[in-house]
Amino acid sequence: MAGIKNQMLRLRSETVDKLRFVLDVSSHRSMSSLADELLEQALDRRIAALSDSDVAAQTLRSLAKRDG
């Protein structure tokens, strides 16, 4: 299991409203676990879309593959 770090995020009101709406129909027990899953999926897609020749993209990919 990956480690968990507390992080304060400033989200727009509309984003929080959408999270609450999705949380009501999801199996997640908390808004933070839902947000974590959504962020992870979106970040994985964004990292995958970066150019292979981009050094920053290669670094992000290697960090994303780490356990923890």
N, C-alpha and C. Protein backbone atom coordinates (compact mmCIF):
# COMPACT_ATOMS: atom_id res chain seq x y z
N MET A 1 0.85 -1.18 0.00
CA MET A 1 0.00 0.00 0.00
C MET A 1 0.90 1.24 0.00
N ALA A 2 0.56 2.17 -0.82
CA ALA A 2 1.34 3.40 -0.91
C ALA A 2 1.12 4.25 0.34
N GLY A 3 2.14 5.00 0.68
CA GLY A 3 2.03 5.90 1.83
C GLY A 3 1.06 7.03 1.55
N ILE A 4 0.53 7.56 2.59
CA ILE A 4 -0.42 8.67 2.47
C ILE A 4 0.19 9.90 3.10
N LYS A 5 0.14 11.00 2.36
CA LYS A 5 0.62 12.28 2.87
C LYS A 5 -0.56 13.24 2.94
N ASN A 6 -0.69 13.92 4.07
CA ASN A 6 -1.73 14.93 4.19
C ASN A 6 -1.36 16.11 3.30
N GLN A 7 -2.34 16.62 2.58
CA GLN A 7 -2.11 17.73 1.67
C GLN A 7 -3.35 18.61 1.64
N MET A 8 -3.16 19.88 1.81
CA MET A 8 -4.27 20.83 1.73
C MET A 8 -4.33 21.35 0.30
N LEU A 9 -5.46 21.14 -0.36
CA LEU A 9 -5.64 21.64 -1.72
C LEU A 9 -6.74 22.69 -1.74
N ARG A 10 -6.51 23.74 -2.47
CA ARG A 10 -7.54 24.77 -2.64
C ARG A 10 -8.27 24.45 -3.93
N LEU A 11 -9.55 24.07 -3.80
CA LEU A 11 -10.35 23.69 -4.95
C LEU A 11 -11.45 24.71 -5.18
N ARG A 12 -11.80 24.88 -6.44
CA ARG A 12 -12.92 25.77 -6.78
C ARG A 12 -14.22 25.18 -6.22
N SER A 13 -15.16 26.04 -5.94
CA SER A 13 -16.46 25.60 -5.40
C SER A 13 -17.14 24.60 -6.32
N GLU A 14 -17.06 24.85 -7.61
CA GLU A 14 -17.68 23.96 -8.59
C GLU A 14 -17.04 22.56 -8.54
N THR A 15 -15.73 22.52 -8.33
CA THR A 15 -15.03 21.24 -8.25
C THR A 15 -15.49 20.46 -7.02
N VAL A 16 -15.61 21.14 -5.90
CA VAL A 16 -16.07 20.48 -4.66
C VAL A 16 -17.51 20.00 -4.83
N ASP A 17 -18.35 20.80 -5.48
CA ASP A 17 -19.73 20.38 -5.73
C ASP A 17 -19.77 19.11 -6.59
N LYS A 18 -18.93 19.05 -7.61
CA LYS A 18 -18.88 17.87 -8.47
C LYS A 18 -18.38 16.66 -7.70
N LEU A 19 -17.37 16.87 -6.85
CA LEU A 19 -16.88 15.77 -6.02
C LEU A 19 -17.98 15.24 -5.11
N ARG A 20 -18.73 16.13 -4.49
CA ARG A 20 -19.83 15.70 -3.61
C ARG A 20 -20.87 14.91 -4.38
N PHE A 21 -21.18 15.38 -5.59
CA PHE A 21 -22.18 14.70 -6.41
C PHE A 21 -21.72 13.29 -6.76
N VAL A 22 -20.48 13.17 -7.22
CA VAL A 22 -19.95 11.85 -7.60
C VAL A 22 -19.80 10.96 -6.37
N LEU A 23 -19.41 11.55 -5.25
CA LEU A 23 -19.26 10.78 -4.01
C LEU A 23 -20.58 10.12 -3.60
N ASP A 24 -21.68 10.82 -3.81
CA ASP A 24 -22.99 10.29 -3.44
C ASP A 24 -23.35 9.01 -4.20
N VAL A 25 -22.81 8.85 -5.41
CA VAL A 25 -23.15 7.68 -6.22
C VAL A 25 -21.97 6.71 -6.36
N SER A 26 -20.91 6.93 -5.60
CA SER A 26 -19.73 6.07 -5.70
C SER A 26 -19.61 5.18 -4.47
N SER A 27 -18.67 4.26 -4.53
CA SER A 27 -18.43 3.37 -3.39
C SER A 27 -17.37 3.93 -2.45
N HIS A 28 -16.85 5.10 -2.75
CA HIS A 28 -15.82 5.70 -1.90
C HIS A 28 -16.42 6.14 -0.57
N ARG A 29 -15.61 6.02 0.47
CA ARG A 29 -16.10 6.37 1.80
C ARG A 29 -15.83 7.81 2.16
N SER A 30 -14.92 8.47 1.41
CA SER A 30 -14.62 9.86 1.72
C SER A 30 -14.33 10.62 0.44
N MET A 31 -14.49 11.92 0.51
CA MET A 31 -14.21 12.77 -0.62
C MET A 31 -12.72 12.73 -0.95
N SER A 32 -11.88 12.62 0.07
CA SER A 32 -10.44 12.61 -0.19
C SER A 32 -10.02 11.34 -0.94
N SER A 33 -10.61 10.19 -0.63
CA SER A 33 -10.25 8.97 -1.36
C SER A 33 -10.73 9.04 -2.81
N LEU A 34 -11.89 9.63 -3.02
CA LEU A 34 -12.39 9.83 -4.38
C LEU A 34 -11.49 10.79 -5.15
N ALA A 35 -11.15 11.91 -4.54
CA ALA A 35 -10.28 12.88 -5.19
C ALA A 35 -8.92 12.28 -5.49
N ASP A 36 -8.38 11.48 -4.58
CA ASP A 36 -7.09 10.83 -4.80
C ASP A 36 -7.15 9.92 -6.02
N GLU A 37 -8.19 9.13 -6.13
CA GLU A 37 -8.33 8.22 -7.27
C GLU A 37 -8.46 9.00 -8.58
N LEU A 38 -9.29 10.03 -8.57
CA LEU A 38 -9.49 10.84 -9.78
C LEU A 38 -8.19 11.53 -10.20
N LEU A 39 -7.48 12.08 -9.24
CA LEU A 39 -6.21 12.74 -9.54
C LEU A 39 -5.19 11.75 -10.09
N GLU A 40 -5.10 10.58 -9.49
CA GLU A 40 -4.15 9.58 -9.95
C GLU A 40 -4.43 9.18 -11.39
N GLN A 41 -5.70 8.93 -11.71
CA GLN A 41 -6.06 8.54 -13.08
C GLN A 41 -5.74 9.66 -14.08
N ALA A 42 -6.10 10.87 -13.73
CA ALA A 42 -5.86 12.00 -14.64
C ALA A 42 -4.37 12.27 -14.82
N LEU A 43 -3.61 12.16 -13.74
CA LEU A 43 -2.17 12.39 -13.83
C LEU A 43 -1.48 11.30 -14.63
N ASP A 44 -1.91 10.05 -14.47
CA ASP A 44 -1.35 8.97 -15.27
C ASP A 44 -1.58 9.21 -16.76
N ARG A 45 -2.79 9.65 -17.12
CA ARG A 45 -3.09 9.95 -18.54
C ARG A 45 -2.23 11.11 -19.04
N ARG A 46 -2.08 12.13 -18.22
CA ARG A 46 -1.30 13.30 -18.62
C ARG A 46 0.18 12.95 -18.79
N ILE A 47 0.71 12.15 -17.87
CA ILE A 47 2.11 11.73 -17.97
C ILE A 47 2.32 10.87 -19.22
N ALA A 48 1.39 9.98 -19.49
CA ALA A 48 1.49 9.11 -20.67
C ALA A 48 1.46 9.92 -21.97
N ALA A 49 0.76 11.05 -21.95
CA ALA A 49 0.63 11.87 -23.15
C ALA A 49 1.86 12.72 -23.43
N LEU A 50 2.74 12.87 -22.45
CA LEU A 50 3.94 13.67 -22.65
C LEU A 50 4.88 12.97 -23.63
N SER A 51 5.65 13.74 -24.35
CA SER A 51 6.60 13.23 -25.33
C SER A 51 7.65 12.34 -24.68
N ASP A 52 8.01 11.24 -25.36
CA ASP A 52 9.05 10.34 -24.85
C ASP A 52 10.42 11.00 -24.82
N SER A 53 10.65 12.01 -25.65
CA SER A 53 11.96 12.66 -25.69
C SER A 53 12.10 13.74 -24.62
N ASP A 54 11.03 14.03 -23.93
CA ASP A 54 11.02 15.06 -22.90
C ASP A 54 11.63 14.50 -21.61
N VAL A 55 12.73 15.08 -21.15
CA VAL A 55 13.42 14.60 -19.94
C VAL A 55 12.49 14.69 -18.73
N ALA A 56 11.73 15.76 -18.62
CA ALA A 56 10.80 15.90 -17.49
C ALA A 56 9.75 14.80 -17.51
N ALA A 57 9.28 14.45 -18.71
CA ALA A 57 8.28 13.38 -18.83
C ALA A 57 8.87 12.05 -18.39
N GLN A 58 10.11 11.78 -18.77
CA GLN A 58 10.76 10.54 -18.37
C GLN A 58 10.90 10.48 -16.85
N THR A 59 11.24 11.60 -16.24
CA THR A 59 11.38 11.65 -14.79
C THR A 59 10.04 11.40 -14.11
N LEU A 60 8.98 12.04 -14.63
CA LEU A 60 7.65 11.85 -14.05
C LEU A 60 7.20 10.41 -14.17
N ARG A 61 7.47 9.79 -15.32
CA ARG A 61 7.10 8.40 -15.50
C ARG A 61 7.82 7.49 -14.50
N SER A 62 9.10 7.75 -14.29
CA SER A 62 9.84 6.92 -13.35
C SER A 62 9.32 7.11 -11.92
N LEU A 63 8.93 8.33 -11.57
CA LEU A 63 8.37 8.57 -10.25
C LEU A 63 7.01 7.91 -10.11
N ALA A 64 6.22 7.93 -11.18
CA ALA A 64 4.88 7.36 -11.14
C ALA A 64 4.93 5.84 -11.01
N LYS A 65 6.01 5.22 -11.47
CA LYS A 65 6.13 3.77 -11.41
C LYS A 65 6.61 3.26 -10.06
N ARG A 66 7.12 4.17 -9.21
CA ARG A 66 7.61 3.76 -7.91
C ARG A 66 6.48 3.30 -7.02
N ASP A 67 6.75 2.40 -6.13
CA ASP A 67 5.77 1.97 -5.12
C ASP A 67 5.96 2.83 -3.89
N GLY A 68 4.99 3.71 -3.64
CA GLY A 68 5.10 4.53 -2.43
C GLY A 68 5.56 5.85 -2.79
